Structure formats: structure tokens, C-alpha cells
Amino acid sequence: GEAYLGGRVQTRRGARALRQGPEMNQIGAVKKLLIANRGEIACRVMKTARRLGVPTVAVYSKADENAKHVTYADEAFYIGAAAAKDSYLRKDKIIDIARRTGATHIHPGYGFLSENTDFAQDCATNGIKFVGPPASAIRAMGDKIESKVIMEKAGVPLVPGYHGADQSLETLVEECKKIGFPVLVKAALGGGGKGMKVATCEEECVDAIQSAQREALSSFSDQRVLLEKYVGSPRHIEVQVLADSHGKVLHFYERDCSVQRRHQKIVEE
């Protein structure tokens, strides 16, 4: 049904036109911003956009129809049922809404489609700016083997290991022996500690490789793995880098992510 809200029509399953940006748009290139996410991250992006005078578009699932980000945006569109696969992961619906509303940019937030190469490419194909890395960068950084090749060419020091194209069991076992045990077998795609196995000796090598390959295939539809010399008690330090399309690059100093459980980060500080 429909209800009037401050003189504007609110459509339950369509758009909710709630308000316009309170001040002149300070970023001329960003005519309108669609946030393909929900909750706190969507609200934070909208808050900054409002401060800069950029109109915003929200998308929401059945479960989030009364969520804060829906009422905070200038427009809001229903995109599907509660399950993420039926709503926030529907690339086609999100891009269709962006085109219909005249959104020039899509901000993916984090999670969902933020590291989806196809989505970034679809945005570019439709003339919409993806607020994030280009599809080529997402593809390169999402594939640990390709990332290793890029770092190797750039002269960045790497942990001793193997990231070659030959993925036969015989080659992987031989490379394990060359590296020296213990060896970490790691899925080429994905994260979250999935597809990571440690072989502490030659007798465990085949099982570790095959187990990592099965888990990688099941979780990421790609059974390729790479090998690294296993470091038992490392410090896991990350540096976040932000770059724009004008050649400006910033880094946000170090983050210690050493506190982990099952290869998953628990604390970042």
C-alpha cells in the first residue's frame, strides 16, 4: 500500500522518497549514490554523503524494511526476501535500481558484493562507478596465486613456497619436499581460514594437499592451492592502502592481526 509522508508518497514495495540532500552537492561527479548494503555501514556512508550534499538510494530486504538505513536514505527500494542470495547479492536488481534512479555511483560497503569481480565489472559495463577497486584489482588480489606473481614481479620479499600452474599431486608433493616441512597448503581463492592445512612431515603431505583441495573446491569452486613454508608463531601485520582515480594514495598505518583462531582473525588492533 501507499502512505503519505511529509507530502511525499511512500510506496511499500517501491521507492521511499524521504528527503533531499540538505546542502549543495560538494562532489560534482557523484550525482546520486546507491549503497548496496544495510545496517551501520550503510548509515555511515549515507551520513557522509548527506554532509557532502549527495542524494542517496538504499536497498532493503523483507527483513530490513523498517531498518534505520531505509528511513535515513533519500530513496529506498525493496529488492527481495530476507535471505541475502535473494536480495543483497542480487547484482541484477541492484544495478537495475541504480539505472532507474539515476545513481551515478554504487558503494558496496563491506561483505556482500564488495569483493565481487563480476559486480564491479557489471557496474562499469552499465556506466556506473563502483566505489572501490576496479574489477582487475579485485580479481588480482582475490587470487592468492596471481597476487604472489604480482608481488614477485614487484620485488616484494615472499615466504618461501610454490605458486606455480602445475597443480598435479606429484608436483605439489615434490615442492613440499623442496620447501621443507612444516608446509602450509593454502587455497588460491577465498579466505576465512578455509582450505588451509599444515603438513608437518612428508607422511602428512598427500592428505594435507587433498584435504585443502576438497575444501577449496567445496567453498570456492576452485581447487587450486599454493604452498608456503609454515611459520609457527608469526606476527600478522596488515597495512590498509586507499587510492583514488587521481593518483592520490594513502596508507592507514599498521594493524596487528596476530590474535587468531583456526587461521581466522579475532582481534585487529
C-alpha atoms as a PDB file:
ATOM      1  CA  GLY A   1       0.000   0.000   0.000  1.00  0.00           C
ATOM      2  CA  GLU A   2       0.923   3.654  -0.048  1.00  0.00           C
ATOM      3  CA  ALA A   3       1.083   6.291   2.675  1.00  0.00           C
ATOM      4  CA  TYR A   4       1.841   9.991   2.559  1.00  0.00           C
ATOM      5  CA  LEU A   5       4.966  11.008   4.405  1.00  0.00           C
ATOM      6  CA  GLY A   6       5.512  14.726   4.724  1.00  0.00           C
ATOM      7  CA  GLY A   7       3.735  15.362   1.438  1.00  0.00           C
ATOM      8  CA  ARG A   8       5.767  12.660  -0.401  1.00  0.00           C
ATOM      9  CA  VAL A   9       4.404   9.285  -1.441  1.00  0.00           C
ATOM     10  CA  GLN A  10       5.932   6.301   0.325  1.00  0.00           C
ATOM     11  CA  THR A  11       5.496   3.087  -1.657  1.00  0.00           C
ATOM     12  CA  ARG A  12       5.836  -0.047   0.431  1.00  0.00           C
ATOM     13  CA  ARG A  13       7.359  -2.158  -2.337  1.00  0.00           C
ATOM     14  CA  GLY A  14       8.848   0.646  -4.404  1.00  0.00           C
ATOM     15  CA  ALA A  15      10.735   3.789  -3.591  1.00  0.00           C
ATOM     16  CA  ARG A  16      10.555   5.821  -0.440  1.00  0.00           C
ATOM     17  CA  ALA A  17      11.320   9.448  -1.278  1.00  0.00           C
ATOM     18  CA  LEU A  18      12.065  10.813   2.165  1.00  0.00           C
ATOM     19  CA  ARG A  19      14.257  13.872   1.811  1.00  0.00           C
ATOM     20  CA  GLN A  20      16.713  15.676  -0.371  1.00  0.00           C
ATOM     21  CA  GLY A  21      20.316  16.495   0.473  1.00  0.00           C
ATOM     22  CA  PRO A  22      20.388  19.479   2.864  1.00  0.00           C
ATOM     23  CA  GLU A  23      23.123  21.348   1.064  1.00  0.00           C
ATOM     24  CA  MET A  24      24.595  21.831  -2.377  1.00  0.00           C
ATOM     25  CA  ASN A  25      26.422  18.798  -3.795  1.00  0.00           C
ATOM     26  CA  GLN A  26      30.122  19.291  -2.998  1.00  0.00           C
ATOM     27  CA  ILE A  27      31.252  16.414  -5.229  1.00  0.00           C
ATOM     28  CA  GLY A  28      30.024  17.235  -8.710  1.00  0.00           C
ATOM     29  CA  ALA A  29      30.868  13.842 -10.213  1.00  0.00           C
ATOM     30  CA  VAL A  30      28.712  11.965  -7.701  1.00  0.00           C
ATOM     31  CA  LYS A  31      25.185  12.926  -8.727  1.00  0.00           C
ATOM     32  CA  LYS A  32      23.487  10.215  -6.700  1.00  0.00           C
ATOM     33  CA  LEU A  33      24.874   7.343  -4.599  1.00  0.00           C
ATOM     34  CA  LEU A  34      23.304   3.901  -4.162  1.00  0.00           C
ATOM     35  CA  ILE A  35      24.516   1.943  -1.128  1.00  0.00           C
ATOM     36  CA  ALA A  36      24.324  -1.789  -1.812  1.00  0.00           C
ATOM     37  CA  ASN A  37      24.391  -2.772   1.839  1.00  0.00           C
ATOM     38  CA  ARG A  38      22.481  -2.420   5.106  1.00  0.00           C
ATOM     39  CA  GLY A  39      22.862  -1.537   8.764  1.00  0.00           C
ATOM     40  CA  GLU A  40      25.653   0.528  10.274  1.00  0.00           C
ATOM     41  CA  ILE A  41      27.916   0.632   7.223  1.00  0.00           C
ATOM     42  CA  ALA A  42      25.072   1.892   5.019  1.00  0.00           C
ATOM     43  CA  CYS A  43      24.189   4.595   7.555  1.00  0.00           C
ATOM     44  CA  ARG A  44      27.798   5.742   7.843  1.00  0.00           C
ATOM     45  CA  VAL A  45      28.130   6.100   4.079  1.00  0.00           C
ATOM     46  CA  MET A  46      24.801   7.951   3.910  1.00  0.00           C
ATOM     47  CA  LYS A  47      25.828  10.295   6.706  1.00  0.00           C
ATOM     48  CA  THR A  48      28.947  11.354   4.810  1.00  0.00           C
ATOM     49  CA  ALA A  49      27.012  11.641   1.561  1.00  0.00           C
ATOM     50  CA  ARG A  50      24.417  13.874   3.242  1.00  0.00           C
ATOM     51  CA  ARG A  51      27.153  16.089   4.674  1.00  0.00           C
ATOM     52  CA  LEU A  52      28.517  16.490   1.138  1.00  0.00           C
ATOM     53  CA  GLY A  53      25.078  17.110  -0.331  1.00  0.00           C
ATOM     54  CA  VAL A  54      24.930  13.868  -2.332  1.00  0.00           C
ATOM     55  CA  PRO A  55      21.464  12.226  -2.616  1.00  0.00           C
ATOM     56  CA  THR A  56      21.388   8.569  -1.545  1.00  0.00           C
ATOM     57  CA  VAL A  57      19.485   5.441  -2.510  1.00  0.00           C
ATOM     58  CA  ALA A  58      19.023   2.497  -0.133  1.00  0.00           C
ATOM     59  CA  VAL A  59      18.082  -1.082  -0.947  1.00  0.00           C
ATOM     60  CA  TYR A  60      16.459  -3.395   1.574  1.00  0.00           C
ATOM     61  CA  SER A  61      15.203  -6.922   2.041  1.00  0.00           C
ATOM     62  CA  LYS A  62      11.961  -8.038   3.630  1.00  0.00           C
ATOM     63  CA  ALA A  63      13.793  -8.430   6.962  1.00  0.00           C
ATOM     64  CA  ASP A  64      15.110  -4.856   6.837  1.00  0.00           C
ATOM     65  CA  GLU A  65      12.071  -2.903   5.657  1.00  0.00           C
ATOM     66  CA  ASN A  66      11.962  -0.932   8.929  1.00  0.00           C
ATOM     67  CA  ALA A  67      15.731  -0.657   9.376  1.00  0.00           C
ATOM     68  CA  LYS A  68      17.414   2.687  10.015  1.00  0.00           C
ATOM     69  CA  HIS A  69      19.260   2.820   6.699  1.00  0.00           C
ATOM     70  CA  VAL A  70      15.927   2.595   4.868  1.00  0.00           C
ATOM     71  CA  THR A  71      14.474   5.684   6.505  1.00  0.00           C
ATOM     72  CA  TYR A  72      17.795   7.562   6.500  1.00  0.00           C
ATOM     73  CA  ALA A  73      18.219   7.473   2.712  1.00  0.00           C
ATOM     74  CA  ASP A  74      16.548   9.861   0.269  1.00  0.00           C
ATOM     75  CA  GLU A  75      15.058   6.915  -1.607  1.00  0.00           C
ATOM     76  CA  ALA A  76      14.721   3.246  -0.686  1.00  0.00           C
ATOM     77  CA  PHE A  77      13.833   0.230  -2.803  1.00  0.00           C
ATOM     78  CA  TYR A  78      12.742  -3.254  -1.831  1.00  0.00           C
ATOM     79  CA  ILE A  79      14.899  -5.887  -3.562  1.00  0.00           C
ATOM     80  CA  GLY A  80      13.773  -9.267  -2.225  1.00  0.00           C
ATOM     81  CA  ALA A  81      13.279 -11.769   0.543  1.00  0.00           C
ATOM     82  CA  ALA A  82      15.285 -11.926   3.766  1.00  0.00           C
ATOM     83  CA  ALA A  83      17.983 -14.303   2.508  1.00  0.00           C
ATOM     84  CA  ALA A  84      20.998 -12.403   1.148  1.00  0.00           C
ATOM     85  CA  LYS A  85      21.027 -14.509  -2.014  1.00  0.00           C
ATOM     86  CA  ASP A  86      17.540 -13.183  -2.794  1.00  0.00           C
ATOM     87  CA  SER A  87      18.295  -9.547  -2.011  1.00  0.00           C
ATOM     88  CA  TYR A  88      21.699  -8.029  -1.215  1.00  0.00           C
ATOM     89  CA  LEU A  89      23.510 -10.427  -3.543  1.00  0.00           C
ATOM     90  CA  ARG A  90      21.178  -9.792  -6.482  1.00  0.00           C
ATOM     91  CA  LYS A  91      23.524  -7.881  -8.749  1.00  0.00           C
ATOM     92  CA  ASP A  92      20.916  -7.536 -11.481  1.00  0.00           C
ATOM     93  CA  LYS A  93      18.304  -5.919  -9.216  1.00  0.00           C
ATOM     94  CA  ILE A  94      20.787  -3.502  -7.651  1.00  0.00           C
ATOM     95  CA  ILE A  95      22.120  -2.307 -10.999  1.00  0.00           C
ATOM     96  CA  ASP A  96      18.568  -2.005 -12.365  1.00  0.00           C
ATOM     97  CA  ILE A  97      17.597   0.244  -9.425  1.00  0.00           C
ATOM     98  CA  ALA A  98      20.738   2.331  -9.904  1.00  0.00           C
ATOM     99  CA  ARG A  99      19.855   2.890 -13.550  1.00  0.00           C
ATOM    100  CA  ARG A 100      16.199   3.674 -12.828  1.00  0.00           C
ATOM    101  CA  THR A 101      17.044   6.187 -10.098  1.00  0.00           C
ATOM    102  CA  GLY A 102      19.896   7.825 -11.975  1.00  0.00           C
ATOM    103  CA  ALA A 103      22.518   6.775  -9.424  1.00  0.00           C
ATOM    104  CA  THR A 104      25.947   7.500 -10.862  1.00  0.00           C
ATOM    105  CA  HIS A 105      27.838   5.561  -8.172  1.00  0.00           C
ATOM    106  CA  ILE A 106      27.330   2.380  -6.142  1.00  0.00           C
ATOM    107  CA  HIS A 107      29.025   1.943  -2.760  1.00  0.00           C
ATOM    108  CA  PRO A 108      29.130  -1.760  -1.801  1.00  0.00           C
ATOM    109  CA  GLY A 109      30.005  -1.282   1.887  1.00  0.00           C
ATOM    110  CA  TYR A 110      31.763  -4.397   3.186  1.00  0.00           C
ATOM    111  CA  GLY A 111      30.821  -8.042   2.721  1.00  0.00           C
ATOM    112  CA  PHE A 112      28.073  -8.939   0.224  1.00  0.00           C
ATOM    113  CA  LEU A 113      29.247  -7.662  -3.202  1.00  0.00           C
ATOM    114  CA  SER A 114      32.216  -5.582  -2.047  1.00  0.00           C
ATOM    115  CA  GLU A 115      34.791  -8.039  -3.422  1.00  0.00           C
ATOM    116  CA  ASN A 116      32.722  -9.438  -6.271  1.00  0.00           C
ATOM    117  CA  THR A 117      34.632  -9.073  -9.537  1.00  0.00           C
ATOM    118  CA  ASP A 118      31.562  -9.631 -11.713  1.00  0.00           C
ATOM    119  CA  PHE A 119      29.595  -6.922  -9.881  1.00  0.00           C
ATOM    120  CA  ALA A 120      32.392  -4.370 -10.271  1.00  0.00           C
ATOM    121  CA  GLN A 121      32.602  -5.247 -13.961  1.00  0.00           C
ATOM    122  CA  ASP A 122      28.808  -5.064 -14.404  1.00  0.00           C
ATOM    123  CA  CYS A 123      28.828  -1.579 -12.878  1.00  0.00           C
ATOM    124  CA  ALA A 124      31.479  -0.455 -15.358  1.00  0.00           C
ATOM    125  CA  THR A 125      29.592  -2.030 -18.266  1.00  0.00           C
ATOM    126  CA  ASN A 126      26.469  -0.077 -17.290  1.00  0.00           C
ATOM    127  CA  GLY A 127      28.309   3.220 -16.921  1.00  0.00           C
ATOM    128  CA  ILE A 128      28.044   3.235 -13.123  1.00  0.00           C
ATOM    129  CA  LYS A 129      31.042   3.954 -10.916  1.00  0.00           C
ATOM    130  CA  PHE A 130      31.835   1.194  -8.415  1.00  0.00           C
ATOM    131  CA  VAL A 131      33.154   2.887  -5.250  1.00  0.00           C
ATOM    132  CA  GLY A 132      36.052   0.533  -4.699  1.00  0.00           C
ATOM    133  CA  PRO A 133      38.862  -1.149  -6.619  1.00  0.00           C
ATOM    134  CA  PRO A 134      38.443  -1.864 -10.338  1.00  0.00           C
ATOM    135  CA  ALA A 135      37.428  -5.397 -11.303  1.00  0.00           C
ATOM    136  CA  SER A 136      41.006  -6.171 -12.377  1.00  0.00           C
ATOM    137  CA  ALA A 137      42.366  -5.327  -8.909  1.00  0.00           C
ATOM    138  CA  ILE A 138      39.668  -7.348  -7.118  1.00  0.00           C
ATOM    139  CA  ARG A 139      40.451 -10.296  -9.382  1.00  0.00           C
ATOM    140  CA  ALA A 140      44.194  -9.997  -8.812  1.00  0.00           C
ATOM    141  CA  MET A 141      44.007  -9.639  -5.031  1.00  0.00           C
ATOM    142  CA  GLY A 142      41.298 -12.289  -4.665  1.00  0.00           C
ATOM    143  CA  ASP A 143      43.513 -14.916  -6.264  1.00  0.00           C
ATOM    144  CA  LYS A 144      46.446 -15.607  -3.951  1.00  0.00           C
ATOM    145  CA  ILE A 145      48.439 -17.228  -6.753  1.00  0.00           C
ATOM    146  CA  GLU A 146      48.039 -14.187  -9.003  1.00  0.00           C
ATOM    147  CA  SER A 147      48.811 -11.925  -6.022  1.00  0.00           C
ATOM    148  CA  LYS A 148      52.043 -13.828  -5.401  1.00  0.00           C
ATOM    149  CA  VAL A 149      53.064 -13.430  -9.057  1.00  0.00           C
ATOM    150  CA  ILE A 150      52.405  -9.670  -8.922  1.00  0.00           C
ATOM    151  CA  MET A 151      54.378  -9.275  -5.677  1.00  0.00           C
ATOM    152  CA  GLU A 152      57.202 -11.397  -7.052  1.00  0.00           C
ATOM    153  CA  LYS A 153      57.477  -9.206 -10.163  1.00  0.00           C
ATOM    154  CA  ALA A 154      57.478  -6.106  -7.941  1.00  0.00           C
ATOM    155  CA  GLY A 155      60.396  -7.447  -5.918  1.00  0.00           C
ATOM    156  CA  VAL A 156      58.444  -7.831  -2.676  1.00  0.00           C
ATOM    157  CA  PRO A 157      60.009 -10.448  -0.339  1.00  0.00           C
ATOM    158  CA  LEU A 158      57.879 -13.610  -0.189  1.00  0.00           C
ATOM    159  CA  VAL A 159      57.681 -16.527   2.215  1.00  0.00           C
ATOM    160  CA  PRO A 160      59.469 -19.473   0.540  1.00  0.00           C
ATOM    161  CA  GLY A 161      56.907 -21.571  -1.285  1.00  0.00           C
ATOM    162  CA  TYR A 162      55.326 -22.652  -4.553  1.00  0.00           C
ATOM    163  CA  HIS A 163      52.576 -20.929  -6.559  1.00  0.00           C
ATOM    164  CA  GLY A 164      53.041 -22.475  -9.978  1.00  0.00           C
ATOM    165  CA  ALA A 165      50.476 -23.501 -12.590  1.00  0.00           C
ATOM    166  CA  ASP A 166      51.269 -27.215 -12.348  1.00  0.00           C
ATOM    167  CA  GLN A 167      48.777 -28.451  -9.760  1.00  0.00           C
ATOM    168  CA  SER A 168      49.385 -32.179 -10.116  1.00  0.00           C
ATOM    169  CA  LEU A 169      49.677 -34.071  -6.836  1.00  0.00           C
ATOM    170  CA  GLU A 170      53.162 -35.294  -7.763  1.00  0.00           C
ATOM    171  CA  THR A 171      54.445 -31.750  -8.361  1.00  0.00           C
ATOM    172  CA  LEU A 172      52.888 -30.399  -5.168  1.00  0.00           C
ATOM    173  CA  VAL A 173      54.429 -33.196  -3.085  1.00  0.00           C
ATOM    174  CA  GLU A 174      57.862 -32.588  -4.627  1.00  0.00           C
ATOM    175  CA  GLU A 175      57.576 -28.861  -3.990  1.00  0.00           C
ATOM    176  CA  CYS A 176      56.700 -29.566  -0.350  1.00  0.00           C
ATOM    177  CA  LYS A 177      59.924 -31.523  -0.019  1.00  0.00           C
ATOM    178  CA  LYS A 178      61.918 -28.679  -1.598  1.00  0.00           C
ATOM    179  CA  ILE A 179      60.382 -26.108   0.757  1.00  0.00           C
ATOM    180  CA  GLY A 180      60.991 -28.232   3.831  1.00  0.00           C
ATOM    181  CA  PHE A 181      58.482 -29.170   6.494  1.00  0.00           C
ATOM    182  CA  PRO A 182      56.289 -27.918   8.074  1.00  0.00           C
ATOM    183  CA  VAL A 183      54.449 -26.666   4.982  1.00  0.00           C
ATOM    184  CA  LEU A 184      51.201 -24.711   4.798  1.00  0.00           C
ATOM    185  CA  VAL A 185      48.834 -25.725   1.988  1.00  0.00           C
ATOM    186  CA  LYS A 186      46.527 -22.815   1.166  1.00  0.00           C
ATOM    187  CA  ALA A 187      43.534 -22.426  -1.170  1.00  0.00           C
ATOM    188  CA  ALA A 188      44.203 -19.974  -4.004  1.00  0.00           C
ATOM    189  CA  LEU A 189      40.799 -18.310  -3.580  1.00  0.00           C
ATOM    190  CA  GLY A 190      38.677 -17.299  -0.618  1.00  0.00           C
ATOM    191  CA  GLY A 191      39.622 -16.718   2.979  1.00  0.00           C
ATOM    192  CA  GLY A 192      38.303 -17.111   6.487  1.00  0.00           C
ATOM    193  CA  GLY A 193      40.749 -19.909   7.213  1.00  0.00           C
ATOM    194  CA  LYS A 194      39.055 -22.276   4.748  1.00  0.00           C
ATOM    195  CA  GLY A 195      41.226 -24.506   2.595  1.00  0.00           C
ATOM    196  CA  MET A 196      44.284 -24.198   4.831  1.00  0.00           C
ATOM    197  CA  LYS A 197      46.109 -27.303   6.050  1.00  0.00           C
ATOM    198  CA  VAL A 198      49.511 -27.887   7.638  1.00  0.00           C
ATOM    199  CA  ALA A 199      51.762 -30.832   6.776  1.00  0.00           C
ATOM    200  CA  THR A 200      54.403 -31.322   9.459  1.00  0.00           C
ATOM    201  CA  CYS A 201      56.161 -34.173   7.655  1.00  0.00           C
ATOM    202  CA  GLU A 202      56.277 -35.977   4.312  1.00  0.00           C
ATOM    203  CA  GLU A 203      53.806 -38.622   5.500  1.00  0.00           C
ATOM    204  CA  GLU A 204      51.131 -35.944   6.057  1.00  0.00           C
ATOM    205  CA  CYS A 205      51.760 -34.204   2.758  1.00  0.00           C
ATOM    206  CA  VAL A 206      49.301 -36.004   0.461  1.00  0.00           C
ATOM    207  CA  ASP A 207      46.451 -35.858   2.989  1.00  0.00           C
ATOM    208  CA  ALA A 208      47.019 -32.139   3.628  1.00  0.00           C
ATOM    209  CA  ILE A 209      47.046 -31.306  -0.094  1.00  0.00           C
ATOM    210  CA  GLN A 210      43.968 -33.368  -0.940  1.00  0.00           C
ATOM    211  CA  SER A 211      42.057 -32.107   2.091  1.00  0.00           C
ATOM    212  CA  ALA A 212      42.824 -28.471   1.201  1.00  0.00           C
ATOM    213  CA  GLN A 213      41.817 -29.095  -2.420  1.00  0.00           C
ATOM    214  CA  ARG A 214      38.482 -30.653  -1.417  1.00  0.00           C
ATOM    215  CA  GLU A 215      37.672 -27.797   0.941  1.00  0.00           C
ATOM    216  CA  ALA A 216      38.703 -25.194  -1.633  1.00  0.00           C
ATOM    217  CA  LEU A 217      36.539 -26.810  -4.314  1.00  0.00           C
ATOM    218  CA  SER A 218      33.572 -27.028  -1.961  1.00  0.00           C
ATOM    219  CA  SER A 219      33.866 -23.469  -0.626  1.00  0.00           C
ATOM    220  CA  PHE A 220      35.204 -21.536  -3.619  1.00  0.00           C
ATOM    221  CA  SER A 221      34.570 -23.785  -6.659  1.00  0.00           C
ATOM    222  CA  ASP A 222      38.311 -23.811  -7.378  1.00  0.00           C
ATOM    223  CA  GLN A 223      40.652 -26.493  -6.065  1.00  0.00           C
ATOM    224  CA  ARG A 224      43.939 -24.728  -6.858  1.00  0.00           C
ATOM    225  CA  VAL A 225      46.336 -24.393  -3.928  1.00  0.00           C
ATOM    226  CA  LEU A 226      49.662 -22.772  -3.175  1.00  0.00           C
ATOM    227  CA  LEU A 227      52.368 -23.847  -0.757  1.00  0.00           C
ATOM    228  CA  GLU A 228      54.249 -21.827   1.829  1.00  0.00           C
ATOM    229  CA  LYS A 229      56.826 -22.562   4.469  1.00  0.00           C
ATOM    230  CA  TYR A 230      54.758 -22.727   7.649  1.00  0.00           C
ATOM    231  CA  VAL A 231      55.693 -20.113  10.245  1.00  0.00           C
ATOM    232  CA  GLY A 232      54.564 -21.344  13.659  1.00  0.00           C
ATOM    233  CA  SER A 233      54.266 -18.156  15.724  1.00  0.00           C
ATOM    234  CA  PRO A 234      54.236 -15.181  13.354  1.00  0.00           C
ATOM    235  CA  ARG A 235      53.146 -11.608  13.812  1.00  0.00           C
ATOM    236  CA  HIS A 236      50.324 -10.942  11.353  1.00  0.00           C
ATOM    237  CA  ILE A 237      50.670  -7.271  10.391  1.00  0.00           C
ATOM    238  CA  GLU A 238      48.490  -5.565   7.794  1.00  0.00           C
ATOM    239  CA  VAL A 239      48.642  -2.126   6.189  1.00  0.00           C
ATOM    240  CA  GLN A 240      45.456  -0.754   4.633  1.00  0.00           C
ATOM    241  CA  VAL A 241      46.015   1.298   1.470  1.00  0.00           C
ATOM    242  CA  LEU A 242      43.498   3.679  -0.109  1.00  0.00           C
ATOM    243  CA  ALA A 243      43.929   5.163  -3.581  1.00  0.00           C
ATOM    244  CA  ASP A 244      41.695   7.310  -5.776  1.00  0.00           C
ATOM    245  CA  SER A 245      41.468   7.768  -9.532  1.00  0.00           C
ATOM    246  CA  HIS A 246      43.517  10.982  -9.371  1.00  0.00           C
ATOM    247  CA  GLY A 247      46.762   9.355  -8.301  1.00  0.00           C
ATOM    248  CA  LYS A 248      46.440  10.080  -4.583  1.00  0.00           C
ATOM    249  CA  VAL A 249      47.435   7.182  -2.320  1.00  0.00           C
ATOM    250  CA  LEU A 250      47.181   6.964   1.469  1.00  0.00           C
ATOM    251  CA  HIS A 251      48.051   4.247   3.939  1.00  0.00           C
ATOM    252  CA  PHE A 252      46.440   3.854   7.345  1.00  0.00           C
ATOM    253  CA  TYR A 253      49.429   2.562   9.280  1.00  0.00           C
ATOM    254  CA  GLU A 254      49.768  -0.898  10.743  1.00  0.00           C
ATOM    255  CA  ARG A 255      47.151  -3.248  12.168  1.00  0.00           C
ATOM    256  CA  ASP A 256      48.233  -6.209  14.264  1.00  0.00           C
ATOM    257  CA  CYS A 257      46.001  -9.178  13.440  1.00  0.00           C
ATOM    258  CA  SER A 258      48.085 -11.815  15.217  1.00  0.00           C
ATOM    259  CA  VAL A 259      45.320 -12.964  17.582  1.00  0.00           C
ATOM    260  CA  GLN A 260      43.675 -15.714  15.557  1.00  0.00           C
ATOM    261  CA  ARG A 261      41.753 -18.951  15.923  1.00  0.00           C
ATOM    262  CA  ARG A 262      41.810 -21.576  13.168  1.00  0.00           C
ATOM    263  CA  HIS A 263      43.530 -19.087  10.841  1.00  0.00           C
ATOM    264  CA  GLN A 264      40.730 -16.551  11.385  1.00  0.00           C
ATOM    265  CA  LYS A 265      41.408 -13.098  12.802  1.00  0.00           C
ATOM    266  CA  ILE A 266      39.730 -12.420  16.139  1.00  0.00           C
ATOM    267  CA  VAL A 267      41.231  -9.044  17.069  1.00  0.00           C
ATOM    268  CA  GLU A 268      42.666  -6.250  14.925  1.00  0.00           C
ATOM    269  CA  GLU A 269      44.498  -3.511  16.771  1.00  0.00           C
END
